[in-house]
Amino acid sequence: MLQQHPLRRITDRVVQTGASAYEQAGKGLTEVGKKGNEAARTAYGYAMNHPRTTAAVVLGTGIAAALLWMLQRGSYAATRRKVLKRVRSTASTRSRRQAAHAE
């Protein structure tokens, strides 16, 4: 009778464990896929039944994306300074106009 080498027994065990883990992962991924499809169907149904809410979410997401883009690009600070300068100059112009009309 031939004796198996100890390394061969270890590799066989590793292969069996790997196959078992692969099967379990496959089952888990199948369940995750089903849950994902169910969530997508639910979200689609809600969006179709609540168009105003959907529009608000899309608009909010777009604004958030634009702000993140500006932050990454580095132009947020420059844009903010320009806007503040305009607002301050408009506010001072208005106060002068109001003062002139009051007299």
PDB file of N, CA and C in Angstrom:
ATOM      1  N   MET A   1       0.832  -1.176   0.000  1.00  0.00           N
ATOM      2  CA  MET A   1       0.000   0.000   0.000  1.00  0.00           C
ATOM      3  C   MET A   1       0.883   1.248   0.000  1.00  0.00           C
ATOM      4  N   LEU A   2       0.556   2.221  -0.863  1.00  0.00           N
ATOM      5  CA  LEU A   2       1.336   3.444  -0.951  1.00  0.00           C
ATOM      6  C   LEU A   2       0.888   4.426   0.123  1.00  0.00           C
ATOM      7  N   GLN A   3       1.868   5.069   0.695  1.00  0.00           N
ATOM      8  CA  GLN A   3       1.556   6.061   1.699  1.00  0.00           C
ATOM      9  C   GLN A   3       1.507   7.443   1.041  1.00  0.00           C
ATOM     10  N   GLN A   4       0.457   8.232   1.389  1.00  0.00           N
ATOM     11  CA  GLN A   4       0.366   9.568   0.809  1.00  0.00           C
ATOM     12  C   GLN A   4       1.339  10.491   1.520  1.00  0.00           C
ATOM     13  N   HIS A   5       1.864  11.365   0.766  1.00  0.00           N
ATOM     14  CA  HIS A   5       2.783  12.358   1.319  1.00  0.00           C
ATOM     15  C   HIS A   5       1.980  13.341   2.185  1.00  0.00           C
ATOM     16  N   PRO A   6       2.515  13.796   3.337  1.00  0.00           N
ATOM     17  CA  PRO A   6       1.768  14.729   4.201  1.00  0.00           C
ATOM     18  C   PRO A   6       1.364  16.011   3.482  1.00  0.00           C
ATOM     19  N   LEU A   7       2.209  16.500   2.602  1.00  0.00           N
ATOM     20  CA  LEU A   7       1.892  17.728   1.864  1.00  0.00           C
ATOM     21  C   LEU A   7       0.681  17.518   0.958  1.00  0.00           C
ATOM     22  N   ARG A   8       0.577  16.318   0.396  1.00  0.00           N
ATOM     23  CA  ARG A   8      -0.562  16.012  -0.474  1.00  0.00           C
ATOM     24  C   ARG A   8      -1.862  16.053   0.324  1.00  0.00           C
ATOM     25  N   ARG A   9      -1.846  15.519   1.547  1.00  0.00           N
ATOM     26  CA  ARG A   9      -3.058  15.546   2.381  1.00  0.00           C
ATOM     27  C   ARG A   9      -3.447  16.979   2.735  1.00  0.00           C
ATOM     28  N   ILE A  10      -2.453  17.819   2.981  1.00  0.00           N
ATOM     29  CA  ILE A  10      -2.729  19.212   3.330  1.00  0.00           C
ATOM     30  C   ILE A  10      -3.332  19.939   2.127  1.00  0.00           C
ATOM     31  N   THR A  11      -2.758  19.731   0.957  1.00  0.00           N
ATOM     32  CA  THR A  11      -3.292  20.411  -0.222  1.00  0.00           C
ATOM     33  C   THR A  11      -4.694  19.926  -0.550  1.00  0.00           C
ATOM     34  N   ASP A  12      -4.963  18.640  -0.344  1.00  0.00           N
ATOM     35  CA  ASP A  12      -6.319  18.132  -0.569  1.00  0.00           C
ATOM     36  C   ASP A  12      -7.305  18.811   0.371  1.00  0.00           C
ATOM     37  N   ARG A  13      -6.900  18.987   1.626  1.00  0.00           N
ATOM     38  CA  ARG A  13      -7.766  19.649   2.601  1.00  0.00           C
ATOM     39  C   ARG A  13      -8.026  21.106   2.201  1.00  0.00           C
ATOM     40  N   VAL A  14      -6.984  21.782   1.729  1.00  0.00           N
ATOM     41  CA  VAL A  14      -7.123  23.176   1.297  1.00  0.00           C
ATOM     42  C   VAL A  14      -8.082  23.269   0.115  1.00  0.00           C
ATOM     43  N   VAL A  15      -7.955  22.341  -0.828  1.00  0.00           N
ATOM     44  CA  VAL A  15      -8.828  22.334  -2.000  1.00  0.00           C
ATOM     45  C   VAL A  15     -10.278  22.113  -1.572  1.00  0.00           C
ATOM     46  N   GLN A  16     -10.510  21.179  -0.665  1.00  0.00           N
ATOM     47  CA  GLN A  16     -11.874  20.902  -0.198  1.00  0.00           C
ATOM     48  C   GLN A  16     -12.455  22.110   0.532  1.00  0.00           C
ATOM     49  N   THR A  17     -11.651  22.740   1.382  1.00  0.00           N
ATOM     50  CA  THR A  17     -12.111  23.926   2.120  1.00  0.00           C
ATOM     51  C   THR A  17     -12.414  25.066   1.151  1.00  0.00           C
ATOM     52  N   GLY A  18     -11.544  25.233   0.154  1.00  0.00           N
ATOM     53  CA  GLY A  18     -11.765  26.289  -0.843  1.00  0.00           C
ATOM     54  C   GLY A  18     -13.033  26.059  -1.633  1.00  0.00           C
ATOM     55  N   ALA A  19     -13.295  24.812  -2.003  1.00  0.00           N
ATOM     56  CA  ALA A  19     -14.507  24.498  -2.759  1.00  0.00           C
ATOM     57  C   ALA A  19     -15.749  24.768  -1.917  1.00  0.00           C
ATOM     58  N   SER A  20     -15.667  24.411  -0.639  1.00  0.00           N
ATOM     59  CA  SER A  20     -16.798  24.660   0.254  1.00  0.00           C
ATOM     60  C   SER A  20     -17.043  26.163   0.409  1.00  0.00           C
ATOM     61  N   ALA A  21     -15.980  26.927   0.594  1.00  0.00           N
ATOM     62  CA  ALA A  21     -16.112  28.384   0.722  1.00  0.00           C
ATOM     63  C   ALA A  21     -16.678  28.988  -0.556  1.00  0.00           C
ATOM     64  N   TYR A  22     -16.244  28.473  -1.700  1.00  0.00           N
ATOM     65  CA  TYR A  22     -16.729  28.955  -2.991  1.00  0.00           C
ATOM     66  C   TYR A  22     -18.230  28.732  -3.117  1.00  0.00           C
ATOM     67  N   GLU A  23     -18.699  27.555  -2.716  1.00  0.00           N
ATOM     68  CA  GLU A  23     -20.140  27.250  -2.779  1.00  0.00           C
ATOM     69  C   GLU A  23     -20.930  28.174  -1.873  1.00  0.00           C
ATOM     70  N   GLN A  24     -20.427  28.399  -0.656  1.00  0.00           N
ATOM     71  CA  GLN A  24     -21.124  29.278   0.280  1.00  0.00           C
ATOM     72  C   GLN A  24     -21.157  30.711  -0.238  1.00  0.00           C
ATOM     73  N   ALA A  25     -20.049  31.165  -0.803  1.00  0.00           N
ATOM     74  CA  ALA A  25     -20.006  32.526  -1.349  1.00  0.00           C
ATOM     75  C   ALA A  25     -20.978  32.659  -2.516  1.00  0.00           C
ATOM     76  N   GLY A  26     -21.059  31.626  -3.345  1.00  0.00           N
ATOM     77  CA  GLY A  26     -21.990  31.646  -4.472  1.00  0.00           C
ATOM     78  C   GLY A  26     -23.430  31.767  -4.007  1.00  0.00           C
ATOM     79  N   LYS A  27     -23.775  31.027  -2.968  1.00  0.00           N
ATOM     80  CA  LYS A  27     -25.135  31.115  -2.418  1.00  0.00           C
ATOM     81  C   LYS A  27     -25.399  32.509  -1.861  1.00  0.00           C
ATOM     82  N   GLY A  28     -24.401  33.058  -1.157  1.00  0.00           N
ATOM     83  CA  GLY A  28     -24.554  34.406  -0.593  1.00  0.00           C
ATOM     84  C   GLY A  28     -24.726  35.452  -1.667  1.00  0.00           C
ATOM     85  N   LEU A  29     -23.953  35.339  -2.739  1.00  0.00           N
ATOM     86  CA  LEU A  29     -24.054  36.303  -3.830  1.00  0.00           C
ATOM     87  C   LEU A  29     -25.401  36.210  -4.534  1.00  0.00           C
ATOM     88  N   THR A  30     -25.925  35.004  -4.649  1.00  0.00           N
ATOM     89  CA  THR A  30     -27.237  34.828  -5.261  1.00  0.00           C
ATOM     90  C   THR A  30     -28.300  35.529  -4.425  1.00  0.00           C
ATOM     91  N   GLU A  31     -28.215  35.370  -3.098  1.00  0.00           N
ATOM     92  CA  GLU A  31     -29.191  36.028  -2.211  1.00  0.00           C
ATOM     93  C   GLU A  31     -29.048  37.540  -2.278  1.00  0.00           C
ATOM     94  N   VAL A  32     -27.817  38.021  -2.315  1.00  0.00           N
ATOM     95  CA  VAL A  32     -27.590  39.469  -2.406  1.00  0.00           C
ATOM     96  C   VAL A  32     -28.157  40.001  -3.714  1.00  0.00           C
ATOM     97  N   GLY A  33     -27.974  39.267  -4.796  1.00  0.00           N
ATOM     98  CA  GLY A  33     -28.522  39.676  -6.084  1.00  0.00           C
ATOM     99  C   GLY A  33     -30.036  39.761  -6.053  1.00  0.00           C
ATOM    100  N   LYS A  34     -30.672  38.791  -5.420  1.00  0.00           N
ATOM    101  CA  LYS A  34     -32.138  38.813  -5.306  1.00  0.00           C
ATOM    102  C   LYS A  34     -32.597  40.007  -4.488  1.00  0.00           C
ATOM    103  N   LYS A  35     -31.914  40.260  -3.369  1.00  0.00           N
ATOM    104  CA  LYS A  35     -32.275  41.416  -2.523  1.00  0.00           C
ATOM    105  C   LYS A  35     -32.072  42.719  -3.290  1.00  0.00           C
ATOM    106  N   GLY A  36     -31.006  42.807  -4.081  1.00  0.00           N
ATOM    107  CA  GLY A  36     -30.748  44.008  -4.872  1.00  0.00           C
ATOM    108  C   GLY A  36     -31.828  44.246  -5.910  1.00  0.00           C
ATOM    109  N   ASN A  37     -32.263  43.190  -6.581  1.00  0.00           N
ATOM    110  CA  ASN A  37     -33.339  43.315  -7.564  1.00  0.00           C
ATOM    111  C   ASN A  37     -34.635  43.750  -6.898  1.00  0.00           C
ATOM    112  N   GLU A  38     -34.907  43.186  -5.737  1.00  0.00           N
ATOM    113  CA  GLU A  38     -36.124  43.555  -5.006  1.00  0.00           C
ATOM    114  C   GLU A  38     -36.076  45.032  -4.588  1.00  0.00           C
ATOM    115  N   ALA A  39     -34.928  45.478  -4.112  1.00  0.00           N
ATOM    116  CA  ALA A  39     -34.777  46.884  -3.718  1.00  0.00           C
ATOM    117  C   ALA A  39     -34.940  47.809  -4.926  1.00  0.00           C
ATOM    118  N   ALA A  40     -34.387  47.415  -6.059  1.00  0.00           N
ATOM    119  CA  ALA A  40     -34.512  48.232  -7.265  1.00  0.00           C
ATOM    120  C   ALA A  40     -35.970  48.321  -7.708  1.00  0.00           C
ATOM    121  N   ARG A  41     -36.684  47.200  -7.654  1.00  0.00           N
ATOM    122  CA  ARG A  41     -38.111  47.218  -8.018  1.00  0.00           C
ATOM    123  C   ARG A  41     -38.906  48.116  -7.079  1.00  0.00           C
ATOM    124  N   THR A  42     -38.615  48.027  -5.791  1.00  0.00           N
ATOM    125  CA  THR A  42     -39.312  48.858  -4.812  1.00  0.00           C
ATOM    126  C   THR A  42     -39.036  50.339  -5.073  1.00  0.00           C
ATOM    127  N   ALA A  43     -37.769  50.683  -5.300  1.00  0.00           N
ATOM    128  CA  ALA A  43     -37.406  52.077  -5.568  1.00  0.00           C
ATOM    129  C   ALA A  43     -38.076  52.579  -6.841  1.00  0.00           C
ATOM    130  N   TYR A  44     -38.110  51.753  -7.869  1.00  0.00           N
ATOM    131  CA  TYR A  44     -38.751  52.147  -9.125  1.00  0.00           C
ATOM    132  C   TYR A  44     -40.245  52.387  -8.908  1.00  0.00           C
ATOM    133  N   GLY A  45     -40.889  51.482  -8.180  1.00  0.00           N
ATOM    134  CA  GLY A  45     -42.315  51.645  -7.897  1.00  0.00           C
ATOM    135  C   GLY A  45     -42.592  52.920  -7.121  1.00  0.00           C
ATOM    136  N   TYR A  46     -41.752  53.210  -6.129  1.00  0.00           N
ATOM    137  CA  TYR A  46     -41.939  54.439  -5.340  1.00  0.00           C
ATOM    138  C   TYR A  46     -41.742  55.664  -6.226  1.00  0.00           C
ATOM    139  N   ALA A  47     -40.711  55.631  -7.067  1.00  0.00           N
ATOM    140  CA  ALA A  47     -40.439  56.769  -7.945  1.00  0.00           C
ATOM    141  C   ALA A  47     -41.597  57.010  -8.909  1.00  0.00           C
ATOM    142  N   MET A  48     -42.189  55.949  -9.420  1.00  0.00           N
ATOM    143  CA  MET A  48     -43.302  56.103 -10.347  1.00  0.00           C
ATOM    144  C   MET A  48     -44.551  56.643  -9.650  1.00  0.00           C
ATOM    145  N   ASN A  49     -44.726  56.317  -8.379  1.00  0.00           N
ATOM    146  CA  ASN A  49     -45.911  56.767  -7.653  1.00  0.00           C
ATOM    147  C   ASN A  49     -45.726  58.127  -6.982  1.00  0.00           C
ATOM    148  N   HIS A  50     -44.500  58.616  -6.869  1.00  0.00           N
ATOM    149  CA  HIS A  50     -44.231  59.899  -6.214  1.00  0.00           C
ATOM    150  C   HIS A  50     -43.291  60.736  -7.080  1.00  0.00           C
ATOM    151  N   PRO A  51     -43.782  61.302  -8.167  1.00  0.00           N
ATOM    152  CA  PRO A  51     -42.894  62.016  -9.096  1.00  0.00           C
ATOM    153  C   PRO A  51     -42.259  63.274  -8.499  1.00  0.00           C
ATOM    154  N   ARG A  52     -42.973  63.989  -7.634  1.00  0.00           N
ATOM    155  CA  ARG A  52     -42.401  65.211  -7.050  1.00  0.00           C
ATOM    156  C   ARG A  52     -41.227  64.875  -6.138  1.00  0.00           C
ATOM    157  N   THR A  53     -41.399  63.843  -5.344  1.00  0.00           N
ATOM    158  CA  THR A  53     -40.316  63.418  -4.464  1.00  0.00           C
ATOM    159  C   THR A  53     -39.109  62.988  -5.277  1.00  0.00           C
ATOM    160  N   THR A  54     -39.365  62.263  -6.341  1.00  0.00           N
ATOM    161  CA  THR A  54     -38.278  61.805  -7.210  1.00  0.00           C
ATOM    162  C   THR A  54     -37.540  62.997  -7.814  1.00  0.00           C
ATOM    163  N   ALA A  55     -38.283  63.990  -8.266  1.00  0.00           N
ATOM    164  CA  ALA A  55     -37.658  65.184  -8.847  1.00  0.00           C
ATOM    165  C   ALA A  55     -36.807  65.904  -7.805  1.00  0.00           C
ATOM    166  N   ALA A  56     -37.295  65.985  -6.570  1.00  0.00           N
ATOM    167  CA  ALA A  56     -36.538  66.648  -5.505  1.00  0.00           C
ATOM    168  C   ALA A  56     -35.245  65.888  -5.199  1.00  0.00           C
ATOM    169  N   VAL A  57     -35.322  64.582  -5.174  1.00  0.00           N
ATOM    170  CA  VAL A  57     -34.127  63.779  -4.897  1.00  0.00           C
ATOM    171  C   VAL A  57     -33.111  63.930  -6.022  1.00  0.00           C
ATOM    172  N   VAL A  58     -33.576  63.897  -7.258  1.00  0.00           N
ATOM    173  CA  VAL A  58     -32.668  64.042  -8.402  1.00  0.00           C
ATOM    174  C   VAL A  58     -32.028  65.426  -8.394  1.00  0.00           C
ATOM    175  N   LEU A  59     -32.811  66.447  -8.131  1.00  0.00           N
ATOM    176  CA  LEU A  59     -32.283  67.814  -8.088  1.00  0.00           C
ATOM    177  C   LEU A  59     -31.269  67.961  -6.958  1.00  0.00           C
ATOM    178  N   GLY A  60     -31.601  67.454  -5.786  1.00  0.00           N
ATOM    179  CA  GLY A  60     -30.679  67.527  -4.653  1.00  0.00           C
ATOM    180  C   GLY A  60     -29.385  66.785  -4.918  1.00  0.00           C
ATOM    181  N   THR A  61     -29.492  65.639  -5.553  1.00  0.00           N
ATOM    182  CA  THR A  61     -28.299  64.860  -5.889  1.00  0.00           C
ATOM    183  C   THR A  61     -27.431  65.619  -6.886  1.00  0.00           C
ATOM    184  N   GLY A  62     -28.070  66.259  -7.852  1.00  0.00           N
ATOM    185  CA  GLY A  62     -27.319  67.047  -8.836  1.00  0.00           C
ATOM    186  C   GLY A  62     -26.593  68.216  -8.197  1.00  0.00           C
ATOM    187  N   ILE A  63     -27.260  68.906  -7.285  1.00  0.00           N
ATOM    188  CA  ILE A  63     -26.629  70.040  -6.596  1.00  0.00           C
ATOM    189  C   ILE A  63     -25.456  69.553  -5.748  1.00  0.00           C
ATOM    190  N   ALA A  64     -25.666  68.453  -5.026  1.00  0.00           N
ATOM    191  CA  ALA A  64     -24.579  67.897  -4.210  1.00  0.00           C
ATOM    192  C   ALA A  64     -23.396  67.487  -5.077  1.00  0.00           C
ATOM    193  N   ALA A  65     -23.684  66.883  -6.225  1.00  0.00           N
ATOM    194  CA  ALA A  65     -22.610  66.477  -7.130  1.00  0.00           C
ATOM    195  C   ALA A  65     -21.852  67.694  -7.652  1.00  0.00           C
ATOM    196  N   ALA A  66     -22.571  68.762  -7.977  1.00  0.00           N
ATOM    197  CA  ALA A  66     -21.919  69.977  -8.473  1.00  0.00           C
ATOM    198  C   ALA A  66     -21.027  70.587  -7.399  1.00  0.00           C
ATOM    199  N   LEU A  67     -21.502  70.615  -6.160  1.00  0.00           N
ATOM    200  CA  LEU A  67     -20.685  71.158  -5.070  1.00  0.00           C
ATOM    201  C   LEU A  67     -19.435  70.316  -4.844  1.00  0.00           C
ATOM    202  N   LEU A  68     -19.595  69.007  -4.871  1.00  0.00           N
ATOM    203  CA  LEU A  68     -18.427  68.140  -4.709  1.00  0.00           C
ATOM    204  C   LEU A  68     -17.430  68.341  -5.852  1.00  0.00           C
ATOM    205  N   TRP A  69     -17.949  68.503  -7.055  1.00  0.00           N
ATOM    206  CA  TRP A  69     -17.082  68.729  -8.206  1.00  0.00           C
ATOM    207  C   TRP A  69     -16.297  70.028  -8.027  1.00  0.00           C
ATOM    208  N   MET A  70     -16.998  71.075  -7.564  1.00  0.00           N
ATOM    209  CA  MET A  70     -16.341  72.363  -7.354  1.00  0.00           C
ATOM    210  C   MET A  70     -15.280  72.257  -6.262  1.00  0.00           C
ATOM    211  N   LEU A  71     -15.597  71.526  -5.207  1.00  0.00           N
ATOM    212  CA  LEU A  71     -14.615  71.364  -4.128  1.00  0.00           C
ATOM    213  C   LEU A  71     -13.375  70.633  -4.611  1.00  0.00           C
ATOM    214  N   GLN A  72     -13.575  69.572  -5.385  1.00  0.00           N
ATOM    215  CA  GLN A  72     -12.441  68.808  -5.895  1.00  0.00           C
ATOM    216  C   GLN A  72     -11.608  69.624  -6.870  1.00  0.00           C
ATOM    217  N   ARG A  73     -12.276  70.439  -7.624  1.00  0.00           N
ATOM    218  CA  ARG A  73     -11.593  71.225  -8.642  1.00  0.00           C
ATOM    219  C   ARG A  73     -10.805  72.374  -8.029  1.00  0.00           C
ATOM    220  N   GLY A  74     -11.182  72.760  -6.812  1.00  0.00           N
ATOM    221  CA  GLY A  74     -10.469  73.830  -6.131  1.00  0.00           C
ATOM    222  C   GLY A  74     -11.021  75.200  -6.424  1.00  0.00           C
ATOM    223  N   SER A  75     -12.092  75.292  -7.174  1.00  0.00           N
ATOM    224  CA  SER A  75     -12.631  76.602  -7.525  1.00  0.00           C
ATOM    225  C   SER A  75     -13.753  77.041  -6.588  1.00  0.00           C
ATOM    226  N   TYR A  76     -14.065  76.226  -5.594  1.00  0.00           N
ATOM    227  CA  TYR A  76     -15.149  76.575  -4.677  1.00  0.00           C
ATOM    228  C   TYR A  76     -14.833  77.867  -3.929  1.00  0.00           C
ATOM    229  N   ALA A  77     -13.623  77.984  -3.417  1.00  0.00           N
ATOM    230  CA  ALA A  77     -13.255  79.176  -2.646  1.00  0.00           C
ATOM    231  C   ALA A  77     -13.313  80.428  -3.528  1.00  0.00           C
ATOM    232  N   ALA A  78     -12.810  80.318  -4.747  1.00  0.00           N
ATOM    233  CA  ALA A  78     -12.827  81.470  -5.656  1.00  0.00           C
ATOM    234  C   ALA A  78     -14.263  81.863  -6.003  1.00  0.00           C
ATOM    235  N   THR A  79     -15.089  80.888  -6.285  1.00  0.00           N
ATOM    236  CA  THR A  79     -16.491  81.164  -6.610  1.00  0.00           C
ATOM    237  C   THR A  79     -17.194  81.786  -5.411  1.00  0.00           C
ATOM    238  N   ARG A  80     -16.926  81.264  -4.240  1.00  0.00           N
ATOM    239  CA  ARG A  80     -17.550  81.795  -3.013  1.00  0.00           C
ATOM    240  C   ARG A  80     -17.149  83.262  -2.811  1.00  0.00           C
ATOM    241  N   ARG A  81     -15.858  83.574  -3.010  1.00  0.00           N
ATOM    242  CA  ARG A  81     -15.403  84.959  -2.859  1.00  0.00           C
ATOM    243  C   ARG A  81     -16.105  85.889  -3.845  1.00  0.00           C
ATOM    244  N   LYS A  82     -16.253  85.435  -5.106  1.00  0.00           N
ATOM    245  CA  LYS A  82     -16.936  86.258  -6.115  1.00  0.00           C
ATOM    246  C   LYS A  82     -18.385  86.522  -5.713  1.00  0.00           C
ATOM    247  N   VAL A  83     -19.067  85.474  -5.269  1.00  0.00           N
ATOM    248  CA  VAL A  83     -20.473  85.622  -4.889  1.00  0.00           C
ATOM    249  C   VAL A  83     -20.602  86.556  -3.696  1.00  0.00           C
ATOM    250  N   LEU A  84     -19.756  86.376  -2.693  1.00  0.00           N
ATOM    251  CA  LEU A  84     -19.815  87.256  -1.526  1.00  0.00           C
ATOM    252  C   LEU A  84     -19.536  88.706  -1.908  1.00  0.00           C
ATOM    253  N   LYS A  85     -18.590  88.912  -2.806  1.00  0.00           N
ATOM    254  CA  LYS A  85     -18.274  90.269  -3.255  1.00  0.00           C
ATOM    255  C   LYS A  85     -19.482  90.890  -3.943  1.00  0.00           C
ATOM    256  N   ARG A  86     -20.139  90.119  -4.817  1.00  0.00           N
ATOM    257  CA  ARG A  86     -21.343  90.630  -5.493  1.00  0.00           C
ATOM    258  C   ARG A  86     -22.456  90.949  -4.508  1.00  0.00           C
ATOM    259  N   VAL A  87     -22.666  90.041  -3.566  1.00  0.00           N
ATOM    260  CA  VAL A  87     -23.746  90.250  -2.597  1.00  0.00           C
ATOM    261  C   VAL A  87     -23.464  91.481  -1.755  1.00  0.00           C
ATOM    262  N   ARG A  88     -22.235  91.622  -1.326  1.00  0.00           N
ATOM    263  CA  ARG A  88     -21.886  92.783  -0.492  1.00  0.00           C
ATOM    264  C   ARG A  88     -21.999  94.079  -1.281  1.00  0.00           C
ATOM    265  N   SER A  89     -21.575  94.068  -2.532  1.00  0.00           N
ATOM    266  CA  SER A  89     -21.667  95.295  -3.330  1.00  0.00           C
ATOM    267  C   SER A  89     -23.127  95.630  -3.626  1.00  0.00           C
ATOM    268  N   THR A  90     -23.952  94.633  -3.847  1.00  0.00           N
ATOM    269  CA  THR A  90     -25.380  94.866  -4.093  1.00  0.00           C
ATOM    270  C   THR A  90     -26.045  95.400  -2.836  1.00  0.00           C
ATOM    271  N   ALA A  91     -25.672  94.853  -1.691  1.00  0.00           N
ATOM    272  CA  ALA A  91     -26.270  95.294  -0.425  1.00  0.00           C
ATOM    273  C   ALA A  91     -25.900  96.742  -0.134  1.00  0.00           C
ATOM    274  N   SER A  92     -24.653  97.120  -0.379  1.00  0.00           N
ATOM    275  CA  SER A  92     -24.250  98.501  -0.125  1.00  0.00           C
ATOM    276  C   SER A  92     -24.916  99.454  -1.119  1.00  0.00           C
ATOM    277  N   THR A  93     -25.115  99.035  -2.356  1.00  0.00           N
ATOM    278  CA  THR A  93     -25.789  99.855  -3.353  1.00  0.00           C
ATOM    279  C   THR A  93     -27.242 100.065  -2.954  1.00  0.00           C
ATOM    280  N   ARG A  94     -27.896  99.040  -2.493  1.00  0.00           N
ATOM    281  CA  ARG A  94     -29.286  99.161  -2.071  1.00  0.00           C
ATOM    282  C   ARG A  94     -29.426 100.115  -0.903  1.00  0.00           C
ATOM    283  N   SER A  95     -28.527 100.001   0.058  1.00  0.00           N
ATOM    284  CA  SER A  95     -28.660 100.855   1.234  1.00  0.00           C
ATOM    285  C   SER A  95     -28.464 102.323   0.853  1.00  0.00           C
ATOM    286  N   ARG A  96     -27.579 102.600  -0.114  1.00  0.00           N
ATOM    287  CA  ARG A  96     -27.397 103.973  -0.575  1.00  0.00           C
ATOM    288  C   ARG A  96     -28.649 104.470  -1.290  1.00  0.00           C
ATOM    289  N   ARG A  97     -29.253 103.576  -2.124  1.00  0.00           N
ATOM    290  CA  ARG A  97     -30.467 103.958  -2.844  1.00  0.00           C
ATOM    291  C   ARG A  97     -31.595 104.250  -1.867  1.00  0.00           C
ATOM    292  N   GLN A  98     -31.744 103.364  -0.892  1.00  0.00           N
ATOM    293  CA  GLN A  98     -32.811 103.565   0.091  1.00  0.00           C
ATOM    294  C   GLN A  98     -32.600 104.859   0.871  1.00  0.00           C
ATOM    295  N   ALA A  99     -31.365 105.155   1.202  1.00  0.00           N
ATOM    296  CA  ALA A  99     -31.059 106.392   1.939  1.00  0.00           C
ATOM    297  C   ALA A  99     -31.389 107.611   1.076  1.00  0.00           C
ATOM    298  N   ALA A 100     -31.101 107.552  -0.221  1.00  0.00           N
ATOM    299  CA  ALA A 100     -31.376 108.665  -1.127  1.00  0.00           C
ATOM    300  C   ALA A 100     -32.868 108.906  -1.284  1.00  0.00           C
ATOM    301  N   HIS A 101     -33.644 107.821  -1.360  1.00  0.00           N
ATOM    302  CA  HIS A 101     -35.087 107.956  -1.510  1.00  0.00           C
ATOM    303  C   HIS A 101     -35.756 108.411  -0.229  1.00  0.00           C
ATOM    304  N   ALA A 102     -35.174 108.117   0.888  1.00  0.00           N
ATOM    305  CA  ALA A 102     -35.780 108.492   2.171  1.00  0.00           C
ATOM    306  C   ALA A 102     -35.685 109.979   2.408  1.00  0.00           C
ATOM    307  N   GLU A 103     -34.676 110.639   1.836  1.00  0.00           N
ATOM    308  CA  GLU A 103     -34.488 112.083   2.067  1.00  0.00           C
ATOM    309  C   GLU A 103     -35.421 112.886   1.284  1.00  0.00           C
TER     310      GLU A 103
END
